[in-house]
Amino acid sequence: MGINSKHLATFILGAAAGVAAHKYLQTEEGEKLLEDLKTKANNLKTDAEGAIDKAPEYFEDLKSKGAETLKSSFPDAEAFFKDLYDKFVGGKGTAANVEVTPTPDPIS
């Protein structure tokens, strides 16, 4: 893979943009921009740490509200899932006792 004029032009433009950004950040306005970015980054970090601390409580609340909603909207859901679980695990019959109908070969 050789270096062609497009690659060289891209490199030169990138380097020029880097130099321009460095020059801008050395000005008073650029330093203010950096301070604003640092402040916003610290605020985001604090918010993220707070969210991590609240996450277990939030998901526990979500789980309990979801279960309550499911029980109130679909009162037979718990029995349905228990029967389904028992069918596959072995409460009323094991998976080995389930009769499987073979699929016929397709006609070519």
PDB file of N, CA and C in Angstrom:
ATOM      1  N   MET A   1       0.846  -1.169   0.000  1.00  0.00           N
ATOM      2  CA  MET A   1       0.000   0.000   0.000  1.00  0.00           C
ATOM      3  C   MET A   1       0.895   1.238   0.000  1.00  0.00           C
ATOM      4  N   GLY A   2       0.825   1.990  -0.998  1.00  0.00           N
ATOM      5  CA  GLY A   2       1.688   3.156  -1.128  1.00  0.00           C
ATOM      6  C   GLY A   2       1.005   4.431  -0.666  1.00  0.00           C
ATOM      7  N   ILE A   3       1.829   5.431  -0.475  1.00  0.00           N
ATOM      8  CA  ILE A   3       1.313   6.735  -0.072  1.00  0.00           C
ATOM      9  C   ILE A   3       1.007   7.514  -1.346  1.00  0.00           C
ATOM     10  N   ASN A   4      -0.224   7.941  -1.480  1.00  0.00           N
ATOM     11  CA  ASN A   4      -0.557   8.756  -2.646  1.00  0.00           C
ATOM     12  C   ASN A   4      -0.845  10.184  -2.201  1.00  0.00           C
ATOM     13  N   SER A   5      -1.206  11.038  -3.122  1.00  0.00           N
ATOM     14  CA  SER A   5      -1.380  12.457  -2.821  1.00  0.00           C
ATOM     15  C   SER A   5      -2.550  12.707  -1.863  1.00  0.00           C
ATOM     16  N   LYS A   6      -3.566  11.857  -1.894  1.00  0.00           N
ATOM     17  CA  LYS A   6      -4.698  12.029  -0.978  1.00  0.00           C
ATOM     18  C   LYS A   6      -4.270  11.794   0.469  1.00  0.00           C
ATOM     19  N   HIS A   7      -3.459  10.757   0.692  1.00  0.00           N
ATOM     20  CA  HIS A   7      -2.985  10.471   2.041  1.00  0.00           C
ATOM     21  C   HIS A   7      -2.102  11.607   2.561  1.00  0.00           C
ATOM     22  N   LEU A   8      -1.246  12.096   1.710  1.00  0.00           N
ATOM     23  CA  LEU A   8      -0.347  13.174   2.095  1.00  0.00           C
ATOM     24  C   LEU A   8      -1.128  14.451   2.401  1.00  0.00           C
ATOM     25  N   ALA A   9      -2.112  14.770   1.562  1.00  0.00           N
ATOM     26  CA  ALA A   9      -2.941  15.957   1.792  1.00  0.00           C
ATOM     27  C   ALA A   9      -3.726  15.825   3.091  1.00  0.00           C
ATOM     28  N   THR A  10      -4.246  14.653   3.377  1.00  0.00           N
ATOM     29  CA  THR A  10      -4.989  14.422   4.619  1.00  0.00           C
ATOM     30  C   THR A  10      -4.088  14.612   5.822  1.00  0.00           C
ATOM     31  N   PHE A  11      -2.873  14.088   5.753  1.00  0.00           N
ATOM     32  CA  PHE A  11      -1.927  14.246   6.852  1.00  0.00           C
ATOM     33  C   PHE A  11      -1.589  15.714   7.085  1.00  0.00           C
ATOM     34  N   ILE A  12      -1.332  16.445   6.009  1.00  0.00           N
ATOM     35  CA  ILE A  12      -0.973  17.869   6.125  1.00  0.00           C
ATOM     36  C   ILE A  12      -2.137  18.673   6.695  1.00  0.00           C
ATOM     37  N   LEU A  13      -3.357  18.405   6.230  1.00  0.00           N
ATOM     38  CA  LEU A  13      -4.528  19.107   6.764  1.00  0.00           C
ATOM     39  C   LEU A  13      -4.749  18.778   8.244  1.00  0.00           C
ATOM     40  N   GLY A  14      -4.539  17.545   8.625  1.00  0.00           N
ATOM     41  CA  GLY A  14      -4.680  17.162  10.034  1.00  0.00           C
ATOM     42  C   GLY A  14      -3.655  17.848  10.906  1.00  0.00           C
ATOM     43  N   ALA A  15      -2.423  17.901  10.431  1.00  0.00           N
ATOM     44  CA  ALA A  15      -1.366  18.580  11.193  1.00  0.00           C
ATOM     45  C   ALA A  15      -1.661  20.068  11.305  1.00  0.00           C
ATOM     46  N   ALA A  16      -2.146  20.672  10.232  1.00  0.00           N
ATOM     47  CA  ALA A  16      -2.483  22.099  10.262  1.00  0.00           C
ATOM     48  C   ALA A  16      -3.619  22.360  11.244  1.00  0.00           C
ATOM     49  N   ALA A  17      -4.605  21.490  11.278  1.00  0.00           N
ATOM     50  CA  ALA A  17      -5.718  21.646  12.219  1.00  0.00           C
ATOM     51  C   ALA A  17      -5.221  21.516  13.653  1.00  0.00           C
ATOM     52  N   GLY A  18      -4.293  20.603  13.890  1.00  0.00           N
ATOM     53  CA  GLY A  18      -3.712  20.447  15.221  1.00  0.00           C
ATOM     54  C   GLY A  18      -2.955  21.683  15.668  1.00  0.00           C
ATOM     55  N   VAL A  19      -2.172  22.267  14.765  1.00  0.00           N
ATOM     56  CA  VAL A  19      -1.419  23.486  15.078  1.00  0.00           C
ATOM     57  C   VAL A  19      -2.379  24.629  15.365  1.00  0.00           C
ATOM     58  N   ALA A  20      -3.431  24.764  14.546  1.00  0.00           N
ATOM     59  CA  ALA A  20      -4.412  25.830  14.747  1.00  0.00           C
ATOM     60  C   ALA A  20      -5.136  25.665  16.081  1.00  0.00           C
ATOM     61  N   ALA A  21      -5.499  24.446  16.427  1.00  0.00           N
ATOM     62  CA  ALA A  21      -6.168  24.201  17.706  1.00  0.00           C
ATOM     63  C   ALA A  21      -5.244  24.542  18.868  1.00  0.00           C
ATOM     64  N   HIS A  22      -3.983  24.168  18.764  1.00  0.00           N
ATOM     65  CA  HIS A  22      -3.011  24.480  19.812  1.00  0.00           C
ATOM     66  C   HIS A  22      -2.860  25.988  19.982  1.00  0.00           C
ATOM     67  N   LYS A  23      -2.766  26.700  18.878  1.00  0.00           N
ATOM     68  CA  LYS A  23      -2.640  28.168  18.933  1.00  0.00           C
ATOM     69  C   LYS A  23      -3.884  28.789  19.572  1.00  0.00           C
ATOM     70  N   TYR A  24      -5.058  28.294  19.192  1.00  0.00           N
ATOM     71  CA  TYR A  24      -6.306  28.830  19.739  1.00  0.00           C
ATOM     72  C   TYR A  24      -6.392  28.587  21.241  1.00  0.00           C
ATOM     73  N   LEU A  25      -6.007  27.399  21.686  1.00  0.00           N
ATOM     74  CA  LEU A  25      -6.111  27.064  23.106  1.00  0.00           C
ATOM     75  C   LEU A  25      -5.113  27.840  23.966  1.00  0.00           C
ATOM     76  N   GLN A  26      -4.124  28.456  23.356  1.00  0.00           N
ATOM     77  CA  GLN A  26      -3.165  29.281  24.094  1.00  0.00           C
ATOM     78  C   GLN A  26      -3.709  30.686  24.367  1.00  0.00           C
ATOM     79  N   THR A  27      -4.776  31.076  23.677  1.00  0.00           N
ATOM     80  CA  THR A  27      -5.360  32.405  23.886  1.00  0.00           C
ATOM     81  C   THR A  27      -6.229  32.388  25.135  1.00  0.00           C
ATOM     82  N   GLU A  28      -6.643  33.589  25.567  1.00  0.00           N
ATOM     83  CA  GLU A  28      -7.499  33.710  26.762  1.00  0.00           C
ATOM     84  C   GLU A  28      -8.848  33.019  26.526  1.00  0.00           C
ATOM     85  N   GLU A  29      -9.389  33.199  25.343  1.00  0.00           N
ATOM     86  CA  GLU A  29     -10.665  32.569  25.011  1.00  0.00           C
ATOM     87  C   GLU A  29     -10.543  31.042  24.987  1.00  0.00           C
ATOM     88  N   GLY A  30      -9.425  30.537  24.470  1.00  0.00           N
ATOM     89  CA  GLY A  30      -9.191  29.096  24.452  1.00  0.00           C
ATOM     90  C   GLY A  30      -9.047  28.521  25.842  1.00  0.00           C
ATOM     91  N   GLU A  31      -8.367  29.254  26.734  1.00  0.00           N
ATOM     92  CA  GLU A  31      -8.226  28.794  28.115  1.00  0.00           C
ATOM     93  C   GLU A  31      -9.577  28.765  28.822  1.00  0.00           C
ATOM     94  N   LYS A  32     -10.430  29.753  28.514  1.00  0.00           N
ATOM     95  CA  LYS A  32     -11.782  29.759  29.086  1.00  0.00           C
ATOM     96  C   LYS A  32     -12.561  28.539  28.589  1.00  0.00           C
ATOM     97  N   LEU A  33     -12.424  28.229  27.305  1.00  0.00           N
ATOM     98  CA  LEU A  33     -13.089  27.058  26.742  1.00  0.00           C
ATOM     99  C   LEU A  33     -12.636  25.781  27.448  1.00  0.00           C
ATOM    100  N   LEU A  34     -11.330  25.652  27.687  1.00  0.00           N
ATOM    101  CA  LEU A  34     -10.816  24.468  28.387  1.00  0.00           C
ATOM    102  C   LEU A  34     -11.371  24.374  29.805  1.00  0.00           C
ATOM    103  N   GLU A  35     -11.454  25.493  30.510  1.00  0.00           N
ATOM    104  CA  GLU A  35     -12.007  25.488  31.861  1.00  0.00           C
ATOM    105  C   GLU A  35     -13.475  25.070  31.855  1.00  0.00           C
ATOM    106  N   ASP A  36     -14.234  25.586  30.877  1.00  0.00           N
ATOM    107  CA  ASP A  36     -15.641  25.194  30.753  1.00  0.00           C
ATOM    108  C   ASP A  36     -15.769  23.693  30.486  1.00  0.00           C
ATOM    109  N   LEU A  37     -14.908  23.169  29.610  1.00  0.00           N
ATOM    110  CA  LEU A  37     -14.938  21.734  29.315  1.00  0.00           C
ATOM    111  C   LEU A  37     -14.581  20.899  30.539  1.00  0.00           C
ATOM    112  N   LYS A  38     -13.600  21.357  31.317  1.00  0.00           N
ATOM    113  CA  LYS A  38     -13.226  20.632  32.535  1.00  0.00           C
ATOM    114  C   LYS A  38     -14.368  20.635  33.540  1.00  0.00           C
ATOM    115  N   THR A  39     -15.043  21.778  33.678  1.00  0.00           N
ATOM    116  CA  THR A  39     -16.166  21.873  34.607  1.00  0.00           C
ATOM    117  C   THR A  39     -17.300  20.940  34.181  1.00  0.00           C
ATOM    118  N   LYS A  40     -17.627  20.943  32.902  1.00  0.00           N
ATOM    119  CA  LYS A  40     -18.687  20.065  32.405  1.00  0.00           C
ATOM    120  C   LYS A  40     -18.310  18.601  32.562  1.00  0.00           C
ATOM    121  N   ALA A  41     -17.053  18.269  32.323  1.00  0.00           N
ATOM    122  CA  ALA A  41     -16.602  16.883  32.480  1.00  0.00           C
ATOM    123  C   ALA A  41     -16.701  16.445  33.936  1.00  0.00           C
ATOM    124  N   ASN A  42     -16.330  17.301  34.858  1.00  0.00           N
ATOM    125  CA  ASN A  42     -16.447  16.962  36.276  1.00  0.00           C
ATOM    126  C   ASN A  42     -17.900  16.803  36.691  1.00  0.00           C
ATOM    127  N   ASN A  43     -18.776  17.656  36.163  1.00  0.00           N
ATOM    128  CA  ASN A  43     -20.207  17.519  36.466  1.00  0.00           C
ATOM    129  C   ASN A  43     -20.752  16.197  35.944  1.00  0.00           C
ATOM    130  N   LEU A  44     -20.360  15.823  34.726  1.00  0.00           N
ATOM    131  CA  LEU A  44     -20.792  14.536  34.169  1.00  0.00           C
ATOM    132  C   LEU A  44     -20.263  13.366  34.994  1.00  0.00           C
ATOM    133  N   LYS A  45     -19.026  13.478  35.455  1.00  0.00           N
ATOM    134  CA  LYS A  45     -18.437  12.422  36.277  1.00  0.00           C
ATOM    135  C   LYS A  45     -19.215  12.272  37.580  1.00  0.00           C
ATOM    136  N   THR A  46     -19.556  13.397  38.215  1.00  0.00           N
ATOM    137  CA  THR A  46     -20.319  13.364  39.462  1.00  0.00           C
ATOM    138  C   THR A  46     -21.698  12.752  39.233  1.00  0.00           C
ATOM    139  N   ASP A  47     -22.363  13.143  38.135  1.00  0.00           N
ATOM    140  CA  ASP A  47     -23.671  12.577  37.814  1.00  0.00           C
ATOM    141  C   ASP A  47     -23.581  11.074  37.576  1.00  0.00           C
ATOM    142  N   ALA A  48     -22.533  10.641  36.881  1.00  0.00           N
ATOM    143  CA  ALA A  48     -22.366   9.211  36.596  1.00  0.00           C
ATOM    144  C   ALA A  48     -22.122   8.426  37.883  1.00  0.00           C
ATOM    145  N   GLU A  49     -21.308   8.970  38.774  1.00  0.00           N
ATOM    146  CA  GLU A  49     -21.069   8.284  40.051  1.00  0.00           C
ATOM    147  C   GLU A  49     -22.352   8.196  40.864  1.00  0.00           C
ATOM    148  N   GLY A  50     -23.164   9.246  40.842  1.00  0.00           N
ATOM    149  CA  GLY A  50     -24.450   9.218  41.544  1.00  0.00           C
ATOM    150  C   GLY A  50     -25.390   8.193  40.947  1.00  0.00           C
ATOM    151  N   ALA A  51     -25.381   8.079  39.620  1.00  0.00           N
ATOM    152  CA  ALA A  51     -26.239   7.107  38.951  1.00  0.00           C
ATOM    153  C   ALA A  51     -25.816   5.682  39.302  1.00  0.00           C
ATOM    154  N   ILE A  52     -24.518   5.455  39.418  1.00  0.00           N
ATOM    155  CA  ILE A  52     -24.036   4.116  39.786  1.00  0.00           C
ATOM    156  C   ILE A  52     -24.508   3.752  41.186  1.00  0.00           C
ATOM    157  N   ASP A  53     -24.487   4.727  42.093  1.00  0.00           N
ATOM    158  CA  ASP A  53     -24.938   4.465  43.463  1.00  0.00           C
ATOM    159  C   ASP A  53     -26.441   4.200  43.528  1.00  0.00           C
ATOM    160  N   LYS A  54     -27.210   4.833  42.651  1.00  0.00           N
ATOM    161  CA  LYS A  54     -28.667   4.691  42.671  1.00  0.00           C
ATOM    162  C   LYS A  54     -29.165   3.505  41.851  1.00  0.00           C
ATOM    163  N   ALA A  55     -28.333   2.929  41.015  1.00  0.00           N
ATOM    164  CA  ALA A  55     -28.762   1.881  40.088  1.00  0.00           C
ATOM    165  C   ALA A  55     -29.374   0.660  40.778  1.00  0.00           C
ATOM    166  N   PRO A  56     -28.762   0.084  41.821  1.00  0.00           N
ATOM    167  CA  PRO A  56     -29.380  -1.103  42.436  1.00  0.00           C
ATOM    168  C   PRO A  56     -30.781  -0.816  42.977  1.00  0.00           C
ATOM    169  N   GLU A  57     -30.949   0.337  43.605  1.00  0.00           N
ATOM    170  CA  GLU A  57     -32.260   0.705  44.138  1.00  0.00           C
ATOM    171  C   GLU A  57     -33.273   0.871  43.002  1.00  0.00           C
ATOM    172  N   TYR A  58     -32.850   1.516  41.920  1.00  0.00           N
ATOM    173  CA  TYR A  58     -33.723   1.738  40.769  1.00  0.00           C
ATOM    174  C   TYR A  58     -34.180   0.416  40.157  1.00  0.00           C
ATOM    175  N   PHE A  59     -33.256  -0.515  39.954  1.00  0.00           N
ATOM    176  CA  PHE A  59     -33.619  -1.779  39.328  1.00  0.00           C
ATOM    177  C   PHE A  59     -34.467  -2.649  40.252  1.00  0.00           C
ATOM    178  N   GLU A  60     -34.231  -2.570  41.548  1.00  0.00           N
ATOM    179  CA  GLU A  60     -35.079  -3.309  42.491  1.00  0.00           C
ATOM    180  C   GLU A  60     -36.504  -2.754  42.452  1.00  0.00           C
ATOM    181  N   ASP A  61     -36.634  -1.439  42.413  1.00  0.00           N
ATOM    182  CA  ASP A  61     -37.944  -0.803  42.316  1.00  0.00           C
ATOM    183  C   ASP A  61     -38.621  -1.170  41.002  1.00  0.00           C
ATOM    184  N   LEU A  62     -37.868  -1.158  39.918  1.00  0.00           N
ATOM    185  CA  LEU A  62     -38.400  -1.530  38.608  1.00  0.00           C
ATOM    186  C   LEU A  62     -38.882  -2.978  38.606  1.00  0.00           C
ATOM    187  N   LYS A  63     -38.120  -3.867  39.242  1.00  0.00           N
ATOM    188  CA  LYS A  63     -38.492  -5.278  39.303  1.00  0.00           C
ATOM    189  C   LYS A  63     -39.790  -5.468  40.079  1.00  0.00           C
ATOM    190  N   SER A  64     -39.921  -4.807  41.226  1.00  0.00           N
ATOM    191  CA  SER A  64     -41.124  -4.980  42.033  1.00  0.00           C
ATOM    192  C   SER A  64     -42.341  -4.362  41.357  1.00  0.00           C
ATOM    193  N   LYS A  65     -42.183  -3.186  40.755  1.00  0.00           N
ATOM    194  CA  LYS A  65     -43.310  -2.571  40.048  1.00  0.00           C
ATOM    195  C   LYS A  65     -43.701  -3.389  38.827  1.00  0.00           C
ATOM    196  N   GLY A  66     -42.720  -3.947  38.138  1.00  0.00           N
ATOM    197  CA  GLY A  66     -43.011  -4.790  36.979  1.00  0.00           C
ATOM    198  C   GLY A  66     -43.771  -6.041  37.375  1.00  0.00           C
ATOM    199  N   ALA A  67     -43.376  -6.640  38.486  1.00  0.00           N
ATOM    200  CA  ALA A  67     -44.072  -7.842  38.962  1.00  0.00           C
ATOM    201  C   ALA A  67     -45.500  -7.503  39.370  1.00  0.00           C
ATOM    202  N   GLU A  68     -45.687  -6.373  40.060  1.00  0.00           N
ATOM    203  CA  GLU A  68     -47.033  -5.960  40.459  1.00  0.00           C
ATOM    204  C   GLU A  68     -47.914  -5.696  39.240  1.00  0.00           C
ATOM    205  N   THR A  69     -47.366  -5.017  38.245  1.00  0.00           N
ATOM    206  CA  THR A  69     -48.123  -4.714  37.034  1.00  0.00           C
ATOM    207  C   THR A  69     -48.486  -5.984  36.291  1.00  0.00           C
ATOM    208  N   LEU A  70     -47.554  -6.918  36.208  1.00  0.00           N
ATOM    209  CA  LEU A  70     -47.817  -8.184  35.532  1.00  0.00           C
ATOM    210  C   LEU A  70     -48.916  -8.956  36.257  1.00  0.00           C
ATOM    211  N   LYS A  71     -48.856  -8.984  37.586  1.00  0.00           N
ATOM    212  CA  LYS A  71     -49.872  -9.711  38.354  1.00  0.00           C
ATOM    213  C   LYS A  71     -51.239  -9.061  38.242  1.00  0.00           C
ATOM    214  N   SER A  72     -51.290  -7.725  38.220  1.00  0.00           N
ATOM    215  CA  SER A  72     -52.588  -7.055  38.132  1.00  0.00           C
ATOM    216  C   SER A  72     -53.159  -7.126  36.711  1.00  0.00           C
ATOM    217  N   SER A  73     -52.306  -7.041  35.692  1.00  0.00           N
ATOM    218  CA  SER A  73     -52.795  -7.066  34.311  1.00  0.00           C
ATOM    219  C   SER A  73     -53.077  -8.475  33.812  1.00  0.00           C
ATOM    220  N   PHE A  74     -52.273  -9.416  34.240  1.00  0.00           N
ATOM    221  CA  PHE A  74     -52.418 -10.811  33.818  1.00  0.00           C
ATOM    222  C   PHE A  74     -52.403 -11.712  35.049  1.00  0.00           C
ATOM    223  N   PRO A  75     -53.541 -11.846  35.719  1.00  0.00           N
ATOM    224  CA  PRO A  75     -53.556 -12.596  36.980  1.00  0.00           C
ATOM    225  C   PRO A  75     -53.173 -14.075  36.828  1.00  0.00           C
ATOM    226  N   ASP A  76     -53.379 -14.662  35.665  1.00  0.00           N
ATOM    227  CA  ASP A  76     -53.051 -16.072  35.465  1.00  0.00           C
ATOM    228  C   ASP A  76     -51.625 -16.283  34.968  1.00  0.00           C
ATOM    229  N   ALA A  77     -50.853 -15.216  34.827  1.00  0.00           N
ATOM    230  CA  ALA A  77     -49.503 -15.328  34.270  1.00  0.00           C
ATOM    231  C   ALA A  77     -48.595 -16.172  35.151  1.00  0.00           C
ATOM    232  N   GLU A  78     -48.684 -15.996  36.470  1.00  0.00           N
ATOM    233  CA  GLU A  78     -47.808 -16.749  37.371  1.00  0.00           C
ATOM    234  C   GLU A  78     -48.062 -18.246  37.253  1.00  0.00           C
ATOM    235  N   ALA A  79     -49.340 -18.631  37.216  1.00  0.00           N
ATOM    236  CA  ALA A  79     -49.680 -20.052  37.079  1.00  0.00           C
ATOM    237  C   ALA A  79     -49.234 -20.576  35.707  1.00  0.00           C
ATOM    238  N   PHE A  80     -49.402 -19.768  34.666  1.00  0.00           N
ATOM    239  CA  PHE A  80     -48.996 -20.172  33.324  1.00  0.00           C
ATOM    240  C   PHE A  80     -47.502 -20.452  33.259  1.00  0.00           C
ATOM    241  N   PHE A  81     -46.698 -19.514  33.793  1.00  0.00           N
ATOM    242  CA  PHE A  81     -45.255 -19.702  33.750  1.00  0.00           C
ATOM    243  C   PHE A  81     -44.800 -20.850  34.635  1.00  0.00           C
ATOM    244  N   LYS A  82     -45.480 -21.061  35.765  1.00  0.00           N
ATOM    245  CA  LYS A  82     -45.132 -22.194  36.633  1.00  0.00           C
ATOM    246  C   LYS A  82     -45.420 -23.511  35.915  1.00  0.00           C
ATOM    247  N   ASP A  83     -46.582 -23.594  35.268  1.00  0.00           N
ATOM    248  CA  ASP A  83     -46.908 -24.803  34.506  1.00  0.00           C
ATOM    249  C   ASP A  83     -45.929 -25.030  33.356  1.00  0.00           C
ATOM    250  N   LEU A  84     -45.574 -23.971  32.672  1.00  0.00           N
ATOM    251  CA  LEU A  84     -44.619 -24.075  31.574  1.00  0.00           C
ATOM    252  C   LEU A  84     -43.262 -24.537  32.079  1.00  0.00           C
ATOM    253  N   TYR A  85     -42.815 -23.975  33.194  1.00  0.00           N
ATOM    254  CA  TYR A  85     -41.550 -24.373  33.797  1.00  0.00           C
ATOM    255  C   TYR A  85     -41.598 -25.838  34.223  1.00  0.00           C
ATOM    256  N   ASP A  86     -42.665 -26.234  34.878  1.00  0.00           N
ATOM    257  CA  ASP A  86     -42.802 -27.626  35.321  1.00  0.00           C
ATOM    258  C   ASP A  86     -42.812 -28.590  34.143  1.00  0.00           C
ATOM    259  N   LYS A  87     -43.409 -28.179  33.043  1.00  0.00           N
ATOM    260  CA  LYS A  87     -43.468 -29.036  31.864  1.00  0.00           C
ATOM    261  C   LYS A  87     -42.065 -29.342  31.334  1.00  0.00           C
ATOM    262  N   PHE A  88     -41.202 -28.321  31.321  1.00  0.00           N
ATOM    263  CA  PHE A  88     -39.866 -28.517  30.774  1.00  0.00           C
ATOM    264  C   PHE A  88     -38.868 -29.039  31.786  1.00  0.00           C
ATOM    265  N   VAL A  89     -39.051 -28.750  33.063  1.00  0.00           N
ATOM    266  CA  VAL A  89     -38.085 -29.165  34.069  1.00  0.00           C
ATOM    267  C   VAL A  89     -38.429 -30.536  34.644  1.00  0.00           C
ATOM    268  N   GLY A  90     -39.687 -30.829  34.784  1.00  0.00           N
ATOM    269  CA  GLY A  90     -40.021 -32.160  35.256  1.00  0.00           C
ATOM    270  C   GLY A  90     -41.028 -32.207  36.373  1.00  0.00           C
ATOM    271  N   GLY A  91     -41.733 -31.140  36.650  1.00  0.00           N
ATOM    272  CA  GLY A  91     -42.740 -31.165  37.714  1.00  0.00           C
ATOM    273  C   GLY A  91     -43.898 -32.068  37.367  1.00  0.00           C
ATOM    274  N   LYS A  92     -44.434 -31.972  36.162  1.00  0.00           N
ATOM    275  CA  LYS A  92     -45.568 -32.783  35.720  1.00  0.00           C
ATOM    276  C   LYS A  92     -45.128 -33.857  34.738  1.00  0.00           C
ATOM    277  N   GLY A  93     -43.963 -33.712  34.196  1.00  0.00           N
ATOM    278  CA  GLY A  93     -43.434 -34.654  33.221  1.00  0.00           C
ATOM    279  C   GLY A  93     -42.092 -34.135  32.749  1.00  0.00           C
ATOM    280  N   THR A  94     -41.174 -35.002  32.497  1.00  0.00           N
ATOM    281  CA  THR A  94     -39.847 -34.565  32.081  1.00  0.00           C
ATOM    282  C   THR A  94     -39.798 -34.418  30.574  1.00  0.00           C
ATOM    283  N   ALA A  95     -38.794 -33.749  30.125  1.00  0.00           N
ATOM    284  CA  ALA A  95     -38.619 -33.556  28.693  1.00  0.00           C
ATOM    285  C   ALA A  95     -38.376 -34.890  27.990  1.00  0.00           C
ATOM    286  N   ALA A  96     -37.852 -35.882  28.721  1.00  0.00           N
ATOM    287  CA  ALA A  96     -37.608 -37.195  28.133  1.00  0.00           C
ATOM    288  C   ALA A  96     -38.921 -37.919  27.852  1.00  0.00           C
ATOM    289  N   ASN A  97     -39.969 -37.606  28.613  1.00  0.00           N
ATOM    290  CA  ASN A  97     -41.261 -38.263  28.431  1.00  0.00           C
ATOM    291  C   ASN A  97     -42.105 -37.608  27.341  1.00  0.00           C
ATOM    292  N   VAL A  98     -41.695 -36.473  26.852  1.00  0.00           N
ATOM    293  CA  VAL A  98     -42.457 -35.771  25.830  1.00  0.00           C
ATOM    294  C   VAL A  98     -42.238 -36.469  24.495  1.00  0.00           C
ATOM    295  N   GLU A  99     -43.350 -36.772  23.817  1.00  0.00           N
ATOM    296  CA  GLU A  99     -43.262 -37.467  22.540  1.00  0.00           C
ATOM    297  C   GLU A  99     -43.008 -36.467  21.432  1.00  0.00           C
ATOM    298  N   VAL A 100     -42.004 -36.724  20.614  1.00  0.00           N
ATOM    299  CA  VAL A 100     -41.638 -35.837  19.523  1.00  0.00           C
ATOM    300  C   VAL A 100     -42.024 -36.476  18.215  1.00  0.00           C
ATOM    301  N   THR A 101     -42.771 -35.740  17.394  1.00  0.00           N
ATOM    302  CA  THR A 101     -43.172 -36.239  16.088  1.00  0.00           C
ATOM    303  C   THR A 101     -42.058 -35.906  15.092  1.00  0.00           C
ATOM    304  N   PRO A 102     -41.542 -36.915  14.386  1.00  0.00           N
ATOM    305  CA  PRO A 102     -40.467 -36.633  13.429  1.00  0.00           C
ATOM    306  C   PRO A 102     -40.984 -35.813  12.244  1.00  0.00           C
ATOM    307  N   THR A 103     -40.129 -34.971  11.725  1.00  0.00           N
ATOM    308  CA  THR A 103     -40.464 -34.151  10.562  1.00  0.00           C
ATOM    309  C   THR A 103     -40.221 -34.982   9.309  1.00  0.00           C
ATOM    310  N   PRO A 104     -41.240 -35.042   8.439  1.00  0.00           N
ATOM    311  CA  PRO A 104     -41.029 -35.842   7.212  1.00  0.00           C
ATOM    312  C   PRO A 104     -40.046 -35.162   6.276  1.00  0.00           C
ATOM    313  N   ASP A 105     -39.360 -35.975   5.484  1.00  0.00           N
ATOM    314  CA  ASP A 105     -38.412 -35.447   4.507  1.00  0.00           C
ATOM    315  C   ASP A 105     -39.166 -34.717   3.409  1.00  0.00           C
ATOM    316  N   PRO A 106     -38.636 -33.568   2.980  1.00  0.00           N
ATOM    317  CA  PRO A 106     -39.316 -32.835   1.903  1.00  0.00           C
ATOM    318  C   PRO A 106     -39.167 -33.573   0.565  1.00  0.00           C
ATOM    319  N   ILE A 107     -40.145 -33.362  -0.277  1.00  0.00           N
ATOM    320  CA  ILE A 107     -40.114 -33.979  -1.602  1.00  0.00           C
ATOM    321  C   ILE A 107     -39.283 -33.089  -2.504  1.00  0.00           C
ATOM    322  N   SER A 108     -38.295 -33.662  -3.143  1.00  0.00           N
ATOM    323  CA  SER A 108     -37.410 -32.873  -4.001  1.00  0.00           C
ATOM    324  C   SER A 108     -38.012 -32.658  -5.351  1.00  0.00           C
TER     325      SER A 108
END
